C-alpha atoms as a PDB file:
ATOM      1  CA  UNK A   1      31.630  21.615  58.615  1.00  0.00           C
ATOM      2  CA  UNK A   2      30.045  18.250  59.619  1.00  0.00           C
ATOM      3  CA  UNK A   3      29.421  15.332  58.284  1.00  0.00           C
ATOM      4  CA  UNK A   4      25.897  15.314  57.918  1.00  0.00           C
ATOM      5  CA  UNK A   5      26.194  18.388  55.683  1.00  0.00           C
ATOM      6  CA  UNK A   6      24.182  17.906  52.205  1.00  0.00           C
ATOM      7  CA  UNK A   7      26.312  19.188  49.275  1.00  0.00           C
ATOM      8  CA  UNK A   8      23.802  20.821  46.431  1.00  0.00           C
ATOM      9  CA  UNK A   9      24.953  18.294  43.707  1.00  0.00           C
ATOM     10  CA  UNK A  10      21.835  17.950  41.506  1.00  0.00           C
ATOM     11  CA  UNK A  11      22.570  20.083  38.975  1.00  0.00           C
ATOM     12  CA  UNK A  12      24.579  19.848  35.563  1.00  0.00           C
ATOM     13  CA  UNK A  13      24.409  23.563  35.329  1.00  0.00           C
ATOM     14  CA  UNK A  14      24.888  26.501  37.952  1.00  0.00           C
ATOM     15  CA  UNK A  15      21.692  26.343  40.045  1.00  0.00           C
ATOM     16  CA  UNK A  16      18.905  29.264  39.456  1.00  0.00           C
ATOM     17  CA  UNK A  17      18.100  31.531  42.292  1.00  0.00           C
ATOM     18  CA  UNK A  18      14.519  29.332  42.420  1.00  0.00           C
ATOM     19  CA  UNK A  19      16.839  26.060  42.897  1.00  0.00           C
ATOM     20  CA  UNK A  20      19.083  27.507  45.628  1.00  0.00           C
ATOM     21  CA  UNK A  21      16.128  28.992  47.576  1.00  0.00           C
ATOM     22  CA  UNK A  22      14.278  25.632  47.411  1.00  0.00           C
ATOM     23  CA  UNK A  23      17.983  24.040  48.313  1.00  0.00           C
ATOM     24  CA  UNK A  24      18.740  26.041  51.053  1.00  0.00           C
ATOM     25  CA  UNK A  25      14.995  26.818  52.539  1.00  0.00           C
ATOM     26  CA  UNK A  26      13.317  30.392  52.782  1.00  0.00           C
ATOM     27  CA  UNK A  27      14.891  31.000  56.004  1.00  0.00           C
ATOM     28  CA  UNK A  28      18.786  30.491  54.532  1.00  0.00           C
ATOM     29  CA  UNK A  29      17.829  31.965  51.360  1.00  0.00           C
ATOM     30  CA  UNK A  30      17.009  35.102  53.164  1.00  0.00           C
ATOM     31  CA  UNK A  31      20.729  35.444  54.185  1.00  0.00           C
ATOM     32  CA  UNK A  32      21.988  34.443  50.987  1.00  0.00           C
ATOM     33  CA  UNK A  33      19.969  37.469  49.390  1.00  0.00           C
ATOM     34  CA  UNK A  34      21.403  39.402  52.275  1.00  0.00           C
ATOM     35  CA  UNK A  35      25.109  38.066  52.221  1.00  0.00           C
ATOM     36  CA  UNK A  36      25.160  38.561  47.988  1.00  0.00           C
ATOM     37  CA  UNK A  37      23.095  42.109  48.362  1.00  0.00           C
ATOM     38  CA  UNK A  38      25.590  43.070  51.183  1.00  0.00           C
ATOM     39  CA  UNK A  39      29.055  42.312  48.899  1.00  0.00           C
ATOM     40  CA  UNK A  40      26.930  43.978  45.569  1.00  0.00           C
ATOM     41  CA  UNK A  41      26.396  47.282  47.824  1.00  0.00           C
ATOM     42  CA  UNK A  42      30.096  47.566  49.681  1.00  0.00           C
ATOM     43  CA  UNK A  43      31.974  46.444  46.708  1.00  0.00           C
ATOM     44  CA  UNK A  44      30.284  47.458  43.775  1.00  0.00           C
ATOM     45  CA  UNK A  45      31.992  46.362  40.620  1.00  0.00           C
ATOM     46  CA  UNK A  46      34.617  44.342  42.008  1.00  0.00           C
ATOM     47  CA  UNK A  47      33.755  40.661  42.038  1.00  0.00           C
ATOM     48  CA  UNK A  48      32.284  38.319  39.174  1.00  0.00           C
ATOM     49  CA  UNK A  49      30.828  35.895  41.633  1.00  0.00           C
ATOM     50  CA  UNK A  50      31.534  32.318  40.033  1.00  0.00           C
ATOM     51  CA  UNK A  51      29.675  29.285  40.281  1.00  0.00           C
ATOM     52  CA  UNK A  52      32.080  25.654  41.068  1.00  0.00           C
ATOM     53  CA  UNK A  53      31.455  22.526  41.154  1.00  0.00           C
ATOM     54  CA  UNK A  54      33.206  20.514  43.862  1.00  0.00           C
ATOM     55  CA  UNK A  55      31.934  17.414  42.522  1.00  0.00           C
ATOM     56  CA  UNK A  56      29.610  14.921  44.345  1.00  0.00           C
ATOM     57  CA  UNK A  57      31.354  15.476  48.038  1.00  0.00           C
ATOM     58  CA  UNK A  58      31.476  18.929  47.847  1.00  0.00           C
ATOM     59  CA  UNK A  59      29.053  20.213  44.980  1.00  0.00           C
ATOM     60  CA  UNK A  60      28.128  23.668  44.117  1.00  0.00           C
ATOM     61  CA  UNK A  61      29.473  26.682  45.711  1.00  0.00           C
ATOM     62  CA  UNK A  62      29.620  30.344  44.579  1.00  0.00           C
ATOM     63  CA  UNK A  63      33.073  32.277  44.811  1.00  0.00           C
ATOM     64  CA  UNK A  64      33.685  35.831  45.081  1.00  0.00           C
ATOM     65  CA  UNK A  65      37.566  36.152  44.211  1.00  0.00           C
ATOM     66  CA  UNK A  66      39.556  39.219  42.947  1.00  0.00           C
ATOM     67  CA  UNK A  67      43.005  38.111  42.704  1.00  0.00           C
ATOM     68  CA  UNK A  68      42.419  36.456  45.856  1.00  0.00           C
ATOM     69  CA  UNK A  69      39.596  34.633  47.369  1.00  0.00           C
ATOM     70  CA  UNK A  70      37.182  37.090  48.638  1.00  0.00           C
ATOM     71  CA  UNK A  71      34.672  34.088  50.364  1.00  0.00           C
ATOM     72  CA  UNK A  72      32.521  31.432  49.016  1.00  0.00           C
ATOM     73  CA  UNK A  73      28.521  30.720  49.757  1.00  0.00           C
ATOM     74  CA  UNK A  74      28.397  27.054  50.051  1.00  0.00           C
ATOM     75  CA  UNK A  75      24.398  26.303  49.550  1.00  0.00           C
ATOM     76  CA  UNK A  76      23.312  23.089  51.564  1.00  0.00           C
ATOM     77  CA  UNK A  77      20.294  21.193  52.474  1.00  0.00           C
ATOM     78  CA  UNK A  78      18.197  23.711  54.218  1.00  0.00           C
ATOM     79  CA  UNK A  79      21.312  25.747  55.236  1.00  0.00           C
ATOM     80  CA  UNK A  80      24.176  27.881  54.368  1.00  0.00           C
ATOM     81  CA  UNK A  81      27.690  27.831  55.016  1.00  0.00           C
ATOM     82  CA  UNK A  82      30.188  30.585  54.176  1.00  0.00           C
ATOM     83  CA  UNK A  83      33.879  30.042  53.652  1.00  0.00           C
ATOM     84  CA  UNK A  84      36.202  32.976  54.072  1.00  0.00           C
ATOM     85  CA  UNK A  85      39.914  32.045  54.011  1.00  0.00           C
ATOM     86  CA  UNK A  86      42.472  34.529  55.992  1.00  0.00           C
ATOM     87  CA  UNK A  87      46.270  35.092  54.844  1.00  0.00           C
ATOM     88  CA  UNK A  88      48.922  35.957  57.240  1.00  0.00           C
ATOM     89  CA  UNK A  89      47.912  39.651  57.456  1.00  0.00           C
ATOM     90  CA  UNK A  90      44.438  39.289  57.414  1.00  0.00           C
ATOM     91  CA  UNK A  91      44.501  36.805  59.989  1.00  0.00           C
ATOM     92  CA  UNK A  92      45.633  40.012  62.234  1.00  0.00           C
ATOM     93  CA  UNK A  93      43.472  42.181  61.400  1.00  0.00           C
ATOM     94  CA  UNK A  94      40.652  40.011  61.926  1.00  0.00           C
ATOM     95  CA  UNK A  95      42.248  39.033  65.316  1.00  0.00           C
ATOM     96  CA  UNK A  96      41.973  42.568  66.407  1.00  0.00           C
ATOM     97  CA  UNK A  97      38.392  42.556  66.242  1.00  0.00           C
ATOM     98  CA  UNK A  98      37.691  39.079  67.980  1.00  0.00           C
ATOM     99  CA  UNK A  99      36.201  40.989  71.099  1.00  0.00           C
ATOM    100  CA  UNK A 100      33.702  42.373  68.443  1.00  0.00           C
ATOM    101  CA  UNK A 101      32.431  38.975  67.492  1.00  0.00           C
ATOM    102  CA  UNK A 102      29.946  36.734  68.952  1.00  0.00           C
ATOM    103  CA  UNK A 103      31.431  33.937  70.701  1.00  0.00           C
ATOM    104  CA  UNK A 104      30.082  31.283  68.440  1.00  0.00           C
ATOM    105  CA  UNK A 105      32.307  33.137  65.361  1.00  0.00           C
ATOM    106  CA  UNK A 106      34.759  33.131  68.012  1.00  0.00           C
ATOM    107  CA  UNK A 107      34.740  29.691  68.574  1.00  0.00           C
ATOM    108  CA  UNK A 108      34.713  28.849  64.652  1.00  0.00           C
ATOM    109  CA  UNK A 109      37.663  31.193  63.462  1.00  0.00           C
ATOM    110  CA  UNK A 110      39.679  29.199  66.881  1.00  0.00           C
ATOM    111  CA  UNK A 111      38.934  26.045  65.443  1.00  0.00           C
ATOM    112  CA  UNK A 112      39.039  26.754  61.958  1.00  0.00           C
ATOM    113  CA  UNK A 113      41.952  24.972  60.332  1.00  0.00           C
ATOM    114  CA  UNK A 114      44.907  26.821  58.860  1.00  0.00           C
ATOM    115  CA  UNK A 115      46.526  25.547  55.710  1.00  0.00           C
ATOM    116  CA  UNK A 116      49.419  27.034  53.845  1.00  0.00           C
ATOM    117  CA  UNK A 117      47.652  29.612  51.975  1.00  0.00           C
ATOM    118  CA  UNK A 118      45.293  30.955  55.178  1.00  0.00           C
ATOM    119  CA  UNK A 119      43.463  29.801  57.649  1.00  0.00           C
ATOM    120  CA  UNK A 120      39.788  28.296  56.466  1.00  0.00           C
ATOM    121  CA  UNK A 121      36.984  29.651  58.876  1.00  0.00           C
ATOM    122  CA  UNK A 122      33.261  27.950  57.876  1.00  0.00           C
ATOM    123  CA  UNK A 123      30.241  29.408  59.527  1.00  0.00           C
ATOM    124  CA  UNK A 124      26.499  28.077  59.657  1.00  0.00           C
ATOM    125  CA  UNK A 125      24.733  31.158  57.889  1.00  0.00           C
ATOM    126  CA  UNK A 126      21.686  31.110  60.590  1.00  0.00           C
ATOM    127  CA  UNK A 127      21.021  34.138  62.106  1.00  0.00           C
ATOM    128  CA  UNK A 128      21.625  38.114  62.406  1.00  0.00           C
ATOM    129  CA  UNK A 129      24.147  37.608  64.681  1.00  0.00           C
ATOM    130  CA  UNK A 130      26.107  36.095  62.326  1.00  0.00           C
ATOM    131  CA  UNK A 131      25.454  38.238  59.769  1.00  0.00           C
ATOM    132  CA  UNK A 132      26.494  41.081  61.757  1.00  0.00           C
ATOM    133  CA  UNK A 133      30.029  39.119  61.775  1.00  0.00           C
ATOM    134  CA  UNK A 134      30.423  38.250  58.407  1.00  0.00           C
ATOM    135  CA  UNK A 135      29.725  42.100  57.587  1.00  0.00           C
ATOM    136  CA  UNK A 136      33.158  42.937  59.849  1.00  0.00           C
ATOM    137  CA  UNK A 137      35.058  39.601  58.874  1.00  0.00           C
ATOM    138  CA  UNK A 138      34.517  40.236  55.236  1.00  0.00           C
ATOM    139  CA  UNK A 139      35.488  44.440  55.597  1.00  0.00           C
ATOM    140  CA  UNK A 140      38.844  43.194  57.621  1.00  0.00           C
ATOM    141  CA  UNK A 141      39.357  40.827  54.356  1.00  0.00           C
ATOM    142  CA  UNK A 142      38.398  44.152  52.058  1.00  0.00           C
ATOM    143  CA  UNK A 143      37.994  47.326  52.885  1.00  0.00           C
ATOM    144  CA  UNK A 144      34.530  48.543  51.370  1.00  0.00           C
ATOM    145  CA  UNK A 145      34.685  50.467  48.140  1.00  0.00           C
ATOM    146  CA  UNK A 146      34.190  54.511  48.990  1.00  0.00           C
ATOM    147  CA  UNK A 147      31.416  55.942  47.327  1.00  0.00           C
ATOM    148  CA  UNK A 148      32.508  59.438  45.350  1.00  0.00           C
END
């Protein structure tokens, strides 16, 4: 993430949808809604989104987790970032689909830091191309629920 990032810190309680929309802007809010609806549709009843407050430096973030982290949406002033942490096995699967991802996402993945718990990928959600990449990466992270 860049140093000019402005996290959402102005609220004592988890932000409402209207506060998120106002903070991230209408374009980024469209991506916010798309990602949350994608997760609800592909992974029904799997995750209970959880708001986290990381203090003044990191602000509010919406985490999807079941046992291990799935992804975290980070609202920023006039923008949106998603964090996806890939463990060792997930890294192999993600690297197997690199040729299907956009050049920007491939570069972000290559530049992402690897910690003891995995490779931390941060993507600025600002285009349909990035949305397509996010869908592929989330499906690598966890297979979608098959509807009966």
